[in-house]
Amino acid sequence: MAIRFIRLPEVCRRVGLPKSTIYKLMSDGDFPRAVKPTPRTSVWLEEEVDGWQQERIAASRVQGNAA
């Protein structure tokens, strides 16, 4: 499987959250950290963002069954 980087607008579109929330979640340790391939560029690993989404889905399903 090839590693694919995605930029912030794509991350926001995929997860449905604004950049401020993504950065807040990152600082809290609740979202994958960005990679800095250059000093002025931030990218995320597509696989890590996809994994975060799957974790959120699984957690909501477990919580949904408990309610």
PDB file of N, CA and C in Angstrom:
ATOM      1  N   MET A   1       0.850  -1.182   0.000  1.00  0.00           N
ATOM      2  CA  MET A   1       0.000   0.000   0.000  1.00  0.00           C
ATOM      3  C   MET A   1       0.893   1.242   0.000  1.00  0.00           C
ATOM      4  N   ALA A   2       0.626   2.147  -0.891  1.00  0.00           N
ATOM      5  CA  ALA A   2       1.409   3.374  -1.001  1.00  0.00           C
ATOM      6  C   ALA A   2       0.987   4.370   0.071  1.00  0.00           C
ATOM      7  N   ILE A   3       1.961   5.099   0.580  1.00  0.00           N
ATOM      8  CA  ILE A   3       1.682   6.165   1.544  1.00  0.00           C
ATOM      9  C   ILE A   3       1.169   7.374   0.767  1.00  0.00           C
ATOM     10  N   ARG A   4       0.068   7.942   1.243  1.00  0.00           N
ATOM     11  CA  ARG A   4      -0.501   9.118   0.582  1.00  0.00           C
ATOM     12  C   ARG A   4      -0.663  10.227   1.603  1.00  0.00           C
ATOM     13  N   PHE A   5      -0.112  11.388   1.272  1.00  0.00           N
ATOM     14  CA  PHE A   5      -0.281  12.575   2.102  1.00  0.00           C
ATOM     15  C   PHE A   5      -1.516  13.329   1.646  1.00  0.00           C
ATOM     16  N   ILE A   6      -2.233  13.915   2.606  1.00  0.00           N
ATOM     17  CA  ILE A   6      -3.358  14.785   2.269  1.00  0.00           C
ATOM     18  C   ILE A   6      -3.183  16.114   3.000  1.00  0.00           C
ATOM     19  N   ARG A   7      -3.574  17.173   2.335  1.00  0.00           N
ATOM     20  CA  ARG A   7      -3.435  18.526   2.883  1.00  0.00           C
ATOM     21  C   ARG A   7      -4.656  18.869   3.723  1.00  0.00           C
ATOM     22  N   LEU A   8      -4.555  19.958   4.471  1.00  0.00           N
ATOM     23  CA  LEU A   8      -5.597  20.344   5.421  1.00  0.00           C
ATOM     24  C   LEU A   8      -6.990  20.491   4.809  1.00  0.00           C
ATOM     25  N   PRO A   9      -7.161  21.136   3.649  1.00  0.00           N
ATOM     26  CA  PRO A   9      -8.522  21.224   3.102  1.00  0.00           C
ATOM     27  C   PRO A   9      -9.162  19.847   2.865  1.00  0.00           C
ATOM     28  N   GLU A  10      -8.355  18.891   2.444  1.00  0.00           N
ATOM     29  CA  GLU A  10      -8.862  17.527   2.226  1.00  0.00           C
ATOM     30  C   GLU A  10      -9.189  16.854   3.552  1.00  0.00           C
ATOM     31  N   VAL A  11      -8.357  17.069   4.568  1.00  0.00           N
ATOM     32  CA  VAL A  11      -8.630  16.513   5.896  1.00  0.00           C
ATOM     33  C   VAL A  11      -9.961  17.068   6.420  1.00  0.00           C
ATOM     34  N   CYS A  12     -10.139  18.380   6.316  1.00  0.00           N
ATOM     35  CA  CYS A  12     -11.385  19.017   6.767  1.00  0.00           C
ATOM     36  C   CYS A  12     -12.588  18.444   6.034  1.00  0.00           C
ATOM     37  N   ARG A  13     -12.470  18.285   4.733  1.00  0.00           N
ATOM     38  CA  ARG A  13     -13.566  17.757   3.936  1.00  0.00           C
ATOM     39  C   ARG A  13     -13.896  16.326   4.347  1.00  0.00           C
ATOM     40  N   ARG A  14     -12.886  15.513   4.547  1.00  0.00           N
ATOM     41  CA  ARG A  14     -13.111  14.107   4.889  1.00  0.00           C
ATOM     42  C   ARG A  14     -13.760  13.921   6.255  1.00  0.00           C
ATOM     43  N   VAL A  15     -13.287  14.667   7.245  1.00  0.00           N
ATOM     44  CA  VAL A  15     -13.792  14.450   8.600  1.00  0.00           C
ATOM     45  C   VAL A  15     -14.942  15.371   8.960  1.00  0.00           C
ATOM     46  N   GLY A  16     -15.200  16.386   8.140  1.00  0.00           N
ATOM     47  CA  GLY A  16     -16.334  17.272   8.387  1.00  0.00           C
ATOM     48  C   GLY A  16     -16.129  18.217   9.557  1.00  0.00           C
ATOM     49  N   LEU A  17     -14.873  18.554   9.835  1.00  0.00           N
ATOM     50  CA  LEU A  17     -14.563  19.458  10.941  1.00  0.00           C
ATOM     51  C   LEU A  17     -13.763  20.650  10.426  1.00  0.00           C
ATOM     52  N   PRO A  18     -13.915  21.809  11.065  1.00  0.00           N
ATOM     53  CA  PRO A  18     -13.100  22.968  10.663  1.00  0.00           C
ATOM     54  C   PRO A  18     -11.661  22.794  11.147  1.00  0.00           C
ATOM     55  N   LYS A  19     -10.760  23.550  10.522  1.00  0.00           N
ATOM     56  CA  LYS A  19      -9.338  23.413  10.865  1.00  0.00           C
ATOM     57  C   LYS A  19      -9.064  23.731  12.326  1.00  0.00           C
ATOM     58  N   SER A  20      -9.791  24.672  12.911  1.00  0.00           N
ATOM     59  CA  SER A  20      -9.557  25.001  14.319  1.00  0.00           C
ATOM     60  C   SER A  20      -9.838  23.799  15.226  1.00  0.00           C
ATOM     61  N   THR A  21     -10.874  23.045  14.913  1.00  0.00           N
ATOM     62  CA  THR A  21     -11.202  21.856  15.708  1.00  0.00           C
ATOM     63  C   THR A  21     -10.160  20.769  15.498  1.00  0.00           C
ATOM     64  N   ILE A  22      -9.697  20.611  14.271  1.00  0.00           N
ATOM     65  CA  ILE A  22      -8.662  19.614  13.995  1.00  0.00           C
ATOM     66  C   ILE A  22      -7.401  19.932  14.787  1.00  0.00           C
ATOM     67  N   TYR A  23      -6.967  21.202  14.778  1.00  0.00           N
ATOM     68  CA  TYR A  23      -5.770  21.577  15.523  1.00  0.00           C
ATOM     69  C   TYR A  23      -5.976  21.436  17.030  1.00  0.00           C
ATOM     70  N   LYS A  24      -7.169  21.724  17.527  1.00  0.00           N
ATOM     71  CA  LYS A  24      -7.466  21.539  18.951  1.00  0.00           C
ATOM     72  C   LYS A  24      -7.393  20.062  19.318  1.00  0.00           C
ATOM     73  N   LEU A  25      -8.000  19.208  18.487  1.00  0.00           N
ATOM     74  CA  LEU A  25      -7.935  17.769  18.735  1.00  0.00           C
ATOM     75  C   LEU A  25      -6.491  17.271  18.690  1.00  0.00           C
ATOM     76  N   MET A  26      -5.697  17.793  17.757  1.00  0.00           N
ATOM     77  CA  MET A  26      -4.288  17.412  17.680  1.00  0.00           C
ATOM     78  C   MET A  26      -3.555  17.795  18.963  1.00  0.00           C
ATOM     79  N   SER A  27      -3.786  19.014  19.452  1.00  0.00           N
ATOM     80  CA  SER A  27      -3.083  19.465  20.662  1.00  0.00           C
ATOM     81  C   SER A  27      -3.503  18.654  21.884  1.00  0.00           C
ATOM     82  N   ASP A  28      -4.734  18.150  21.865  1.00  0.00           N
ATOM     83  CA  ASP A  28      -5.222  17.301  22.956  1.00  0.00           C
ATOM     84  C   ASP A  28      -4.786  15.848  22.807  1.00  0.00           C
ATOM     85  N   GLY A  29      -4.149  15.522  21.679  1.00  0.00           N
ATOM     86  CA  GLY A  29      -3.723  14.143  21.425  1.00  0.00           C
ATOM     87  C   GLY A  29      -4.839  13.252  20.918  1.00  0.00           C
ATOM     88  N   ASP A  30      -5.923  13.868  20.409  1.00  0.00           N
ATOM     89  CA  ASP A  30      -7.093  13.110  19.959  1.00  0.00           C
ATOM     90  C   ASP A  30      -7.255  13.065  18.442  1.00  0.00           C
ATOM     91  N   PHE A  31      -6.239  13.491  17.717  1.00  0.00           N
ATOM     92  CA  PHE A  31      -6.283  13.454  16.252  1.00  0.00           C
ATOM     93  C   PHE A  31      -4.857  13.229  15.772  1.00  0.00           C
ATOM     94  N   PRO A  32      -4.684  12.524  14.649  1.00  0.00           N
ATOM     95  CA  PRO A  32      -3.327  12.279  14.151  1.00  0.00           C
ATOM     96  C   PRO A  32      -2.544  13.576  13.955  1.00  0.00           C
ATOM     97  N   ARG A  33      -1.278  13.541  14.312  1.00  0.00           N
ATOM     98  CA  ARG A  33      -0.413  14.708  14.172  1.00  0.00           C
ATOM     99  C   ARG A  33      -0.036  14.911  12.713  1.00  0.00           C
ATOM    100  N   ALA A  34       0.129  16.152  12.341  1.00  0.00           N
ATOM    101  CA  ALA A  34       0.558  16.498  10.988  1.00  0.00           C
ATOM    102  C   ALA A  34       2.042  16.168  10.818  1.00  0.00           C
ATOM    103  N   VAL A  35       2.413  15.904   9.574  1.00  0.00           N
ATOM    104  CA  VAL A  35       3.799  15.705   9.180  1.00  0.00           C
ATOM    105  C   VAL A  35       4.243  16.998   8.511  1.00  0.00           C
ATOM    106  N   LYS A  36       5.480  17.424   8.751  1.00  0.00           N
ATOM    107  CA  LYS A  36       6.005  18.663   8.172  1.00  0.00           C
ATOM    108  C   LYS A  36       7.100  18.319   7.154  1.00  0.00           C
ATOM    109  N   PRO A  37       6.728  18.044   5.889  1.00  0.00           N
ATOM    110  CA  PRO A  37       7.753  17.718   4.892  1.00  0.00           C
ATOM    111  C   PRO A  37       8.647  18.917   4.559  1.00  0.00           C
ATOM    112  N   THR A  38       8.120  20.113   4.737  1.00  0.00           N
ATOM    113  CA  THR A  38       8.908  21.345   4.601  1.00  0.00           C
ATOM    114  C   THR A  38       8.485  22.266   5.747  1.00  0.00           C
ATOM    115  N   PRO A  39       9.281  23.282   6.037  1.00  0.00           N
ATOM    116  CA  PRO A  39       8.921  24.171   7.160  1.00  0.00           C
ATOM    117  C   PRO A  39       7.554  24.859   7.014  1.00  0.00           C
ATOM    118  N   ARG A  40       7.088  25.057   5.791  1.00  0.00           N
ATOM    119  CA  ARG A  40       5.825  25.787   5.588  1.00  0.00           C
ATOM    120  C   ARG A  40       4.669  24.898   5.132  1.00  0.00           C
ATOM    121  N   THR A  41       4.848  23.597   5.205  1.00  0.00           N
ATOM    122  CA  THR A  41       3.820  22.680   4.714  1.00  0.00           C
ATOM    123  C   THR A  41       3.458  21.666   5.786  1.00  0.00           C
ATOM    124  N   SER A  42       2.171  21.448   5.988  1.00  0.00           N
ATOM    125  CA  SER A  42       1.684  20.395   6.881  1.00  0.00           C
ATOM    126  C   SER A  42       0.831  19.440   6.065  1.00  0.00           C
ATOM    127  N   VAL A  43       1.044  18.167   6.281  1.00  0.00           N
ATOM    128  CA  VAL A  43       0.250  17.138   5.619  1.00  0.00           C
ATOM    129  C   VAL A  43      -0.075  16.057   6.637  1.00  0.00           C
ATOM    130  N   TRP A  44      -1.084  15.272   6.345  1.00  0.00           N
ATOM    131  CA  TRP A  44      -1.471  14.162   7.197  1.00  0.00           C
ATOM    132  C   TRP A  44      -1.377  12.883   6.388  1.00  0.00           C
ATOM    133  N   LEU A  45      -1.122  11.782   7.063  1.00  0.00           N
ATOM    134  CA  LEU A  45      -1.124  10.488   6.402  1.00  0.00           C
ATOM    135  C   LEU A  45      -2.578  10.051   6.219  1.00  0.00           C
ATOM    136  N   GLU A  46      -2.949   9.781   5.001  1.00  0.00           N
ATOM    137  CA  GLU A  46      -4.319   9.383   4.696  1.00  0.00           C
ATOM    138  C   GLU A  46      -4.745   8.200   5.562  1.00  0.00           C
ATOM    139  N   GLU A  47      -3.866   7.228   5.729  1.00  0.00           N
ATOM    140  CA  GLU A  47      -4.180   6.030   6.509  1.00  0.00           C
ATOM    141  C   GLU A  47      -4.494   6.366   7.968  1.00  0.00           C
ATOM    142  N   GLU A  48      -3.771   7.331   8.549  1.00  0.00           N
ATOM    143  CA  GLU A  48      -4.027   7.720   9.936  1.00  0.00           C
ATOM    144  C   GLU A  48      -5.358   8.449  10.080  1.00  0.00           C
ATOM    145  N   VAL A  49      -5.686   9.304   9.127  1.00  0.00           N
ATOM    146  CA  VAL A  49      -6.973  10.012   9.163  1.00  0.00           C
ATOM    147  C   VAL A  49      -8.114   9.003   8.992  1.00  0.00           C
ATOM    148  N   ASP A  50      -7.953   8.069   8.066  1.00  0.00           N
ATOM    149  CA  ASP A  50      -8.969   7.030   7.877  1.00  0.00           C
ATOM    150  C   ASP A  50      -9.135   6.198   9.144  1.00  0.00           C
ATOM    151  N   GLY A  51      -8.021   5.866   9.797  1.00  0.00           N
ATOM    152  CA  GLY A  51      -8.071   5.096  11.036  1.00  0.00           C
ATOM    153  C   GLY A  51      -8.784   5.853  12.145  1.00  0.00           C
ATOM    154  N   TRP A  52      -8.522   7.165  12.241  1.00  0.00           N
ATOM    155  CA  TRP A  52      -9.198   7.988  13.238  1.00  0.00           C
ATOM    156  C   TRP A  52     -10.708   7.966  13.010  1.00  0.00           C
ATOM    157  N   GLN A  53     -11.121   8.066  11.739  1.00  0.00           N
ATOM    158  CA  GLN A  53     -12.547   8.027  11.425  1.00  0.00           C
ATOM    159  C   GLN A  53     -13.153   6.685  11.840  1.00  0.00           C
ATOM    160  N   GLN A  54     -12.463   5.600  11.545  1.00  0.00           N
ATOM    161  CA  GLN A  54     -12.972   4.270  11.909  1.00  0.00           C
ATOM    162  C   GLN A  54     -13.097   4.128  13.429  1.00  0.00           C
ATOM    163  N   GLU A  55     -12.117   4.664  14.168  1.00  0.00           N
ATOM    164  CA  GLU A  55     -12.193   4.627  15.630  1.00  0.00           C
ATOM    165  C   GLU A  55     -13.395   5.404  16.144  1.00  0.00           C
ATOM    166  N   ARG A  56     -13.639   6.573  15.565  1.00  0.00           N
ATOM    167  CA  ARG A  56     -14.787   7.389  15.985  1.00  0.00           C
ATOM    168  C   ARG A  56     -16.106   6.684  15.684  1.00  0.00           C
ATOM    169  N   ILE A  57     -16.183   6.054  14.526  1.00  0.00           N
ATOM    170  CA  ILE A  57     -17.393   5.309  14.165  1.00  0.00           C
ATOM    171  C   ILE A  57     -17.614   4.169  15.152  1.00  0.00           C
ATOM    172  N   ALA A  58     -16.552   3.396  15.420  1.00  0.00           N
ATOM    173  CA  ALA A  58     -16.666   2.263  16.342  1.00  0.00           C
ATOM    174  C   ALA A  58     -17.070   2.732  17.734  1.00  0.00           C
ATOM    175  N   ALA A  59     -16.465   3.828  18.211  1.00  0.00           N
ATOM    176  CA  ALA A  59     -16.794   4.340  19.546  1.00  0.00           C
ATOM    177  C   ALA A  59     -18.242   4.802  19.622  1.00  0.00           C
ATOM    178  N   SER A  60     -18.732   5.416  18.560  1.00  0.00           N
ATOM    179  CA  SER A  60     -20.122   5.890  18.593  1.00  0.00           C
ATOM    180  C   SER A  60     -21.105   4.730  18.543  1.00  0.00           C
ATOM    181  N   ARG A  61     -20.715   3.655  17.882  1.00  0.00           N
ATOM    182  CA  ARG A  61     -21.588   2.477  17.841  1.00  0.00           C
ATOM    183  C   ARG A  61     -21.671   1.808  19.202  1.00  0.00           C
ATOM    184  N   VAL A  62     -20.560   1.728  19.911  1.00  0.00           N
ATOM    185  CA  VAL A  62     -20.540   1.138  21.244  1.00  0.00           C
ATOM    186  C   VAL A  62     -21.354   2.004  22.198  1.00  0.00           C
ATOM    187  N   GLN A  63     -21.160   3.318  22.166  1.00  0.00           N
ATOM    188  CA  GLN A  63     -21.909   4.232  23.023  1.00  0.00           C
ATOM    189  C   GLN A  63     -23.392   4.183  22.681  1.00  0.00           C
ATOM    190  N   GLY A  64     -23.714   4.066  21.401  1.00  0.00           N
ATOM    191  CA  GLY A  64     -25.095   4.019  20.957  1.00  0.00           C
ATOM    192  C   GLY A  64     -25.816   2.787  21.487  1.00  0.00           C
ATOM    193  N   ASN A  65     -25.119   1.680  21.592  1.00  0.00           N
ATOM    194  CA  ASN A  65     -25.714   0.454  22.100  1.00  0.00           C
ATOM    195  C   ASN A  65     -25.895   0.491  23.613  1.00  0.00           C
ATOM    196  N   ALA A  66     -25.065   1.277  24.298  1.00  0.00           N
ATOM    197  CA  ALA A  66     -25.167   1.370  25.748  1.00  0.00           C
ATOM    198  C   ALA A  66     -26.320   2.253  26.189  1.00  0.00           C
ATOM    199  N   ALA A  67     -26.750   3.152  25.323  1.00  0.00           N
ATOM    200  CA  ALA A  67     -27.805   4.101  25.696  1.00  0.00           C
ATOM    201  C   ALA A  67     -29.180   3.502  25.635  1.00  0.00           C
TER     202      ALA A  67
END
